[in-house]
Amino acid sequence: MGKAATPCLLAPLFLALAAGIFPARADVDLKFGVYVSDKPTEMVRKFRPVLDALEASMSGELGEPVHIKMHVAGDYEAGIEDLVTGAVDFARFGPASYVLAKERNPELRILSVESEKGTKVFYGIICVAEESPIRAVEDLRGKSFAFGNSRSTIGRYLSQLFLLRHGIRAKDLAVYDYLGRHDKVGAAVARKRFDAGALKEGTFKKLVAKGVPIRAIASFPNVTKPWIARGGLAPKVFAALRAALLRMRDPAALKALKKDGFLEGGDDDYAVIRKAMASNARFFE
C-alpha cells in the first residue's frame, strides 16, 4: 500500500481547492472628487457623511467591502481635469462644470442628480449689502459686481445671463471681478468691496444666519448638481453606486448635504445650461 498523504502536503491542496470554491473578496476602492466652491473644511464636512453612507450601502449590494476616498481639487479646472482623465472615479460638479467635462470626455455618465424638495431646481441669488440703497437689478448699472468662479454655473454663466436679460452688460458695470468661491462673494459684498454679487442660495442663507449683513435683490433658477461617473467605470460598480445614491435616506448624510435625496437624471437636464454658456459672449459685447 502507498503511504498516506501527510498533513503538510494536503494543506496546499486544500487551500487551492478552497480558493476556487470560496474566492477571496476583493475590496472596491473608489476615489470621489469635488472642487472647492466653499472652504475645503466645509467641503469635507458636507460630503464625508454621504460617502460613508454610500460605502455601507454599496458594500451590502456588492457583497464586498467598499472604501471611498475623498479628493478636494483646489479649483474648478483641476476638478474637471481629475474626472476627465479618470484620476477620480466619480464626482459631484456644478452644471457648467459637467457641461465642460462632458465636452472633453463624452464617456462621462450621470449617476443621479440632487433633489431639492423633490425637484431638480435650486436658486442663485443677487445680493447687496444690507444697508445698500440698491433695490432692483436695473439699479446695478454703473455699479461694481462680484462674480464667483469663472467656471461657475451660478457664479458666472447664469448670473451674467440674468443681468443681460435685465439690460446689464459687462460694459455697464463700473468694475467686476471673479472671486472664486460663493462665500468670498458674500463676504466681499458685506464689506462693501463690491456693490453686488452672485452666489448660490445655500451659501447666502448660511452667511445671513451667521449675521453677515447682506440681502437679496433677485433670484434665478438653476438645475441641481449632477453626480458623475468617469468613463470606463466597471458596470457593476456603476450600477451599485447609482442605486445607492437613488435610495439614499441616511438622515445625517442628507442633512450635511442640505438635500432631501437624489433623482434620476441625464444629459438632457443640462441643455439649458449649455444654452446659457453658448450665449455668454453676448454679456461682453
Protein backbone atom coordinates (compact mmCIF):
# COMPACT_ATOMS: atom_id res chain seq x y z
CA MET A 1 0.00 0.00 0.00
CA GLY A 2 1.17 3.55 -0.72
CA LYS A 3 1.90 5.98 2.00
CA ALA A 4 -0.95 8.24 3.15
CA ALA A 5 -0.54 11.91 2.28
CA THR A 6 0.86 13.88 5.17
CA PRO A 7 -0.99 16.91 6.55
CA CYS A 8 1.73 19.25 5.31
CA LEU A 9 1.21 18.03 1.74
CA LEU A 10 -2.57 18.16 1.99
CA ALA A 11 -2.65 21.75 3.24
CA PRO A 12 -1.64 23.46 -0.04
CA LEU A 13 -4.10 21.29 -1.97
CA PHE A 14 -6.90 22.15 0.45
CA LEU A 15 -6.11 25.87 0.22
CA ALA A 16 -6.06 25.75 -3.57
CA LEU A 17 -9.42 23.99 -3.68
CA ALA A 18 -10.91 26.36 -1.13
CA ALA A 19 -9.76 29.35 -3.14
CA GLY A 20 -11.62 28.02 -6.15
CA ILE A 21 -14.80 27.30 -4.23
CA PHE A 22 -14.70 30.35 -1.96
CA PRO A 23 -12.90 33.11 -3.87
CA ALA A 24 -11.42 35.82 -1.66
CA ARG A 25 -13.45 39.02 -1.51
CA ALA A 26 -11.63 41.92 -3.11
CA ASP A 27 -12.11 45.39 -1.68
CA VAL A 28 -13.58 48.01 -4.02
CA ASP A 29 -11.54 51.19 -3.68
CA LEU A 30 -13.05 54.32 -5.18
CA LYS A 31 -11.98 57.95 -5.26
CA PHE A 32 -14.58 60.71 -5.09
CA GLY A 33 -13.74 64.13 -6.50
CA VAL A 34 -15.06 67.59 -5.74
CA TYR A 35 -13.66 71.09 -6.20
CA VAL A 36 -13.71 73.93 -3.70
CA SER A 37 -16.84 76.08 -4.05
CA ASP A 38 -16.65 76.81 -0.32
CA LYS A 39 -13.84 76.39 2.25
CA PRO A 40 -12.10 72.98 1.95
CA THR A 41 -13.07 72.12 5.54
CA GLU A 42 -16.69 72.85 4.66
CA MET A 43 -16.45 70.55 1.64
CA VAL A 44 -15.24 67.65 3.80
CA ARG A 45 -17.93 68.30 6.41
CA LYS A 46 -20.58 68.31 3.68
CA PHE A 47 -19.56 65.20 1.76
CA ARG A 48 -17.93 62.73 4.16
CA PRO A 49 -21.26 61.61 5.70
CA VAL A 50 -22.64 60.94 2.22
CA LEU A 51 -19.58 58.91 1.26
CA ASP A 52 -19.83 56.90 4.49
CA ALA A 53 -23.45 56.06 3.69
CA LEU A 54 -22.51 55.07 0.13
CA GLU A 55 -19.77 52.78 1.41
CA ALA A 56 -22.21 50.92 3.65
CA SER A 57 -24.92 50.63 1.01
CA MET A 58 -22.60 49.53 -1.80
CA SER A 59 -20.77 47.02 0.41
CA GLY A 60 -24.08 45.29 1.10
CA GLU A 61 -25.11 45.28 -2.55
CA LEU A 62 -21.76 44.13 -3.98
CA GLY A 63 -21.02 41.66 -1.19
CA GLU A 64 -17.51 43.05 -0.76
CA PRO A 65 -16.06 45.95 1.22
CA VAL A 66 -16.23 49.34 -0.48
CA HIS A 67 -13.89 52.17 0.51
CA ILE A 68 -14.28 55.71 -0.84
CA LYS A 69 -11.54 58.30 -0.50
CA MET A 70 -12.29 61.97 -0.99
CA HIS A 71 -10.16 64.26 -3.12
CA VAL A 72 -10.78 68.02 -2.97
CA ALA A 73 -9.37 69.81 -6.00
CA GLY A 74 -8.02 73.30 -5.49
CA ASP A 75 -10.16 74.86 -8.21
CA TYR A 76 -12.80 74.08 -10.82
CA GLU A 77 -10.29 73.42 -13.61
CA ALA A 78 -8.37 70.87 -11.53
CA GLY A 79 -11.58 69.14 -10.51
CA ILE A 80 -12.71 68.84 -14.13
CA GLU A 81 -9.30 67.52 -15.13
CA ASP A 82 -9.44 64.84 -12.41
CA LEU A 83 -12.72 63.42 -13.72
CA VAL A 84 -11.96 63.78 -17.42
CA THR A 85 -8.67 61.88 -17.06
CA GLY A 86 -10.03 59.26 -14.66
CA ALA A 87 -7.95 60.39 -11.69
CA VAL A 88 -11.19 60.12 -9.68
CA ASP A 89 -13.92 57.52 -10.18
CA PHE A 90 -16.89 59.78 -9.64
CA ALA A 91 -17.50 63.39 -8.79
CA ARG A 92 -20.09 66.00 -7.87
CA PHE A 93 -20.00 69.05 -10.12
CA GLY A 94 -21.97 72.15 -10.79
CA PRO A 95 -23.92 72.05 -14.07
CA ALA A 96 -21.48 74.22 -16.04
CA SER A 97 -18.51 72.12 -14.94
CA TYR A 98 -20.39 69.00 -16.03
CA VAL A 99 -21.04 70.51 -19.46
CA LEU A 100 -17.36 71.41 -19.87
CA ALA A 101 -16.20 67.98 -18.69
CA LYS A 102 -18.66 66.16 -20.96
CA GLU A 103 -17.37 68.12 -23.95
CA ARG A 104 -13.87 66.90 -23.19
CA ASN A 105 -14.84 63.31 -22.41
CA PRO A 106 -18.16 62.12 -23.91
CA GLU A 107 -17.85 58.81 -21.99
CA LEU A 108 -18.73 60.50 -18.68
CA ARG A 109 -22.13 59.33 -17.39
CA ILE A 110 -24.53 60.90 -14.91
CA LEU A 111 -25.24 58.67 -11.93
CA SER A 112 -28.05 60.82 -10.49
CA VAL A 113 -28.88 64.43 -9.69
CA GLU A 114 -29.54 66.03 -6.32
CA SER A 115 -33.11 66.54 -5.16
CA GLU A 116 -34.19 69.94 -3.85
CA LYS A 117 -37.57 69.37 -2.20
CA GLY A 118 -38.38 66.71 -4.75
CA THR A 119 -37.32 68.78 -7.77
CA LYS A 120 -34.22 69.36 -9.89
CA VAL A 121 -34.28 73.13 -9.29
CA PHE A 122 -32.40 75.39 -6.87
CA TYR A 123 -31.59 79.09 -6.98
CA GLY A 124 -28.85 81.64 -7.38
CA ILE A 125 -29.02 84.97 -5.56
CA ILE A 126 -28.01 88.51 -6.47
CA CYS A 127 -27.10 90.13 -3.16
CA VAL A 128 -26.15 93.60 -1.91
CA ALA A 129 -25.03 94.94 1.45
CA GLU A 130 -27.85 95.12 3.96
CA GLU A 131 -27.86 98.94 4.07
CA SER A 132 -27.32 99.40 0.32
CA PRO A 133 -29.73 101.75 -1.50
CA ILE A 134 -29.83 99.26 -4.41
CA ARG A 135 -33.30 97.69 -4.67
CA ALA A 136 -33.53 96.22 -8.16
CA VAL A 137 -31.27 94.63 -10.77
CA GLU A 138 -31.67 97.67 -13.00
CA ASP A 139 -30.03 99.76 -10.25
CA LEU A 140 -26.75 97.91 -10.85
CA ARG A 141 -25.88 99.98 -13.92
CA GLY A 142 -22.64 101.81 -13.13
CA LYS A 143 -22.02 99.71 -10.00
CA SER A 144 -19.33 97.14 -9.13
CA PHE A 145 -20.14 93.42 -9.20
CA ALA A 146 -18.52 90.29 -7.75
CA PHE A 147 -18.89 87.01 -9.64
CA GLY A 148 -17.78 83.62 -8.30
CA ASN A 149 -15.54 81.27 -10.23
CA SER A 150 -15.16 81.89 -13.95
CA ARG A 151 -16.36 78.29 -14.49
CA SER A 152 -19.29 78.52 -12.06
CA THR A 153 -22.86 77.98 -13.24
CA ILE A 154 -24.36 80.48 -10.79
CA GLY A 155 -21.21 82.48 -10.13
CA ARG A 156 -20.80 83.28 -13.82
CA TYR A 157 -22.98 81.86 -16.57
CA LEU A 158 -26.50 82.11 -15.12
CA SER A 159 -25.87 85.35 -13.24
CA GLN A 160 -24.45 87.02 -16.35
CA LEU A 161 -27.39 85.75 -18.40
CA PHE A 162 -29.76 87.14 -15.75
CA LEU A 163 -28.06 90.54 -15.85
CA LEU A 164 -28.13 90.52 -19.65
CA ARG A 165 -31.88 89.85 -19.66
CA HIS A 166 -32.30 92.91 -17.44
CA GLY A 167 -30.32 95.14 -19.77
CA ILE A 168 -26.98 94.98 -17.92
CA ARG A 169 -23.83 94.02 -19.83
CA ALA A 170 -20.23 93.91 -18.64
CA LYS A 171 -19.61 97.37 -20.11
CA ASP A 172 -22.48 98.75 -18.00
CA LEU A 173 -20.73 97.79 -14.74
CA ALA A 174 -18.17 100.14 -13.18
CA VAL A 175 -15.94 97.15 -12.47
CA TYR A 176 -16.33 93.40 -11.95
CA ASP A 177 -14.16 90.53 -10.79
CA TYR A 178 -14.23 86.76 -10.22
CA LEU A 179 -13.58 85.90 -6.56
CA GLY A 180 -13.52 82.10 -6.89
CA ARG A 181 -15.94 80.99 -4.16
CA HIS A 182 -19.52 81.77 -3.20
CA ASP A 183 -18.64 82.59 0.40
CA LYS A 184 -15.97 85.06 -0.73
CA VAL A 185 -18.56 86.86 -2.87
CA GLY A 186 -20.92 87.26 0.09
CA ALA A 187 -18.13 88.47 2.36
CA ALA A 188 -16.85 90.98 -0.20
CA VAL A 189 -20.31 92.46 -0.73
CA ALA A 190 -20.89 92.66 3.03
CA ARG A 191 -17.60 94.58 3.42
CA LYS A 192 -18.70 96.86 0.55
CA ARG A 193 -15.76 95.94 -1.64
CA PHE A 194 -18.41 95.41 -4.33
CA ASP A 195 -21.89 96.87 -4.66
CA ALA A 196 -23.42 93.50 -5.52
CA GLY A 197 -22.56 89.88 -6.22
CA ALA A 198 -23.88 86.48 -7.31
CA LEU A 199 -23.81 83.38 -5.10
CA LYS A 200 -25.80 80.21 -4.53
CA GLU A 201 -28.83 80.34 -2.28
CA GLY A 202 -27.44 77.83 0.24
CA THR A 203 -24.32 79.89 0.90
CA PHE A 204 -26.37 83.10 1.04
CA LYS A 205 -28.66 81.64 3.71
CA LYS A 206 -25.71 80.32 5.70
CA LEU A 207 -23.98 83.71 5.69
CA VAL A 208 -27.17 85.55 6.71
CA ALA A 209 -27.70 83.06 9.56
CA LYS A 210 -24.19 83.92 10.77
CA GLY A 211 -25.04 87.61 10.81
CA VAL A 212 -23.26 88.64 7.62
CA PRO A 213 -25.04 91.88 6.57
CA ILE A 214 -26.25 91.07 3.05
CA ARG A 215 -29.70 90.88 1.48
CA ALA A 216 -31.12 89.52 -1.77
CA ILE A 217 -32.50 91.73 -4.53
CA ALA A 218 -33.19 88.93 -7.05
CA SER A 219 -33.01 85.19 -7.60
CA PHE A 220 -32.82 82.94 -10.67
CA PRO A 221 -33.28 79.17 -11.17
CA ASN A 222 -30.59 76.59 -11.74
CA VAL A 223 -30.56 72.83 -12.31
CA THR A 224 -29.44 70.80 -9.29
CA LYS A 225 -25.97 69.33 -9.29
CA PRO A 226 -25.15 66.03 -11.03
CA TRP A 227 -23.05 63.18 -9.63
CA ILE A 228 -20.98 61.83 -12.50
CA ALA A 229 -19.02 58.62 -13.14
CA ARG A 230 -15.77 58.55 -15.07
CA GLY A 231 -15.62 56.77 -18.38
CA GLY A 232 -14.84 53.07 -18.07
CA LEU A 233 -16.10 52.57 -14.52
CA ALA A 234 -16.96 48.87 -14.10
CA PRO A 235 -20.66 48.29 -14.94
CA LYS A 236 -21.42 46.54 -11.64
CA VAL A 237 -19.79 49.35 -9.66
CA PHE A 238 -21.63 52.00 -11.70
CA ALA A 239 -24.95 50.21 -11.11
CA ALA A 240 -24.32 49.79 -7.38
CA LEU A 241 -23.23 53.41 -6.97
CA ARG A 242 -26.22 54.72 -8.89
CA ALA A 243 -28.62 52.56 -6.89
CA ALA A 244 -27.03 53.63 -3.60
CA LEU A 245 -27.48 57.30 -4.48
CA LEU A 246 -31.09 56.91 -5.59
CA ARG A 247 -32.07 55.08 -2.41
CA MET A 248 -30.11 57.42 -0.12
CA ARG A 249 -32.18 58.06 3.00
CA ASP A 250 -29.46 58.48 5.65
CA PRO A 251 -30.57 61.50 7.76
CA ALA A 252 -27.05 62.61 8.71
CA ALA A 253 -25.81 62.41 5.13
CA LEU A 254 -28.72 64.34 3.66
CA LYS A 255 -28.57 66.94 6.42
CA ALA A 256 -24.88 67.55 5.74
CA LEU A 257 -25.54 67.83 2.00
CA LYS A 258 -28.62 70.02 2.62
CA LYS A 259 -30.63 68.00 0.12
CA ASP A 260 -33.52 65.57 0.50
CA GLY A 261 -32.18 62.83 -1.72
CA PHE A 262 -31.32 62.04 -5.32
CA LEU A 263 -33.33 61.77 -8.53
CA GLU A 264 -32.76 60.06 -11.85
CA GLY A 265 -31.13 62.43 -14.29
CA GLY A 266 -29.45 62.59 -17.65
CA ASP A 267 -27.56 64.78 -20.05
CA ASP A 268 -30.74 66.42 -21.38
CA ASP A 269 -31.37 68.02 -17.98
CA TYR A 270 -28.46 70.36 -18.67
CA ALA A 271 -29.48 71.61 -22.13
CA VAL A 272 -30.50 74.96 -20.61
CA ILE A 273 -27.03 75.33 -19.09
CA ARG A 274 -25.39 74.61 -22.44
CA LYS A 275 -27.55 77.34 -23.97
CA ALA A 276 -26.54 79.85 -21.28
CA MET A 277 -22.87 79.04 -21.79
CA ALA A 278 -23.14 79.23 -25.56
CA SER A 279 -24.69 82.70 -25.39
CA ASN A 280 -22.34 84.02 -22.68
CA ALA A 281 -20.28 86.08 -25.16
CA ARG A 282 -23.27 88.43 -25.56
CA PHE A 283 -22.72 89.68 -21.99
CA PHE A 284 -19.34 91.06 -23.05
CA GLU A 285 -20.43 92.74 -26.29
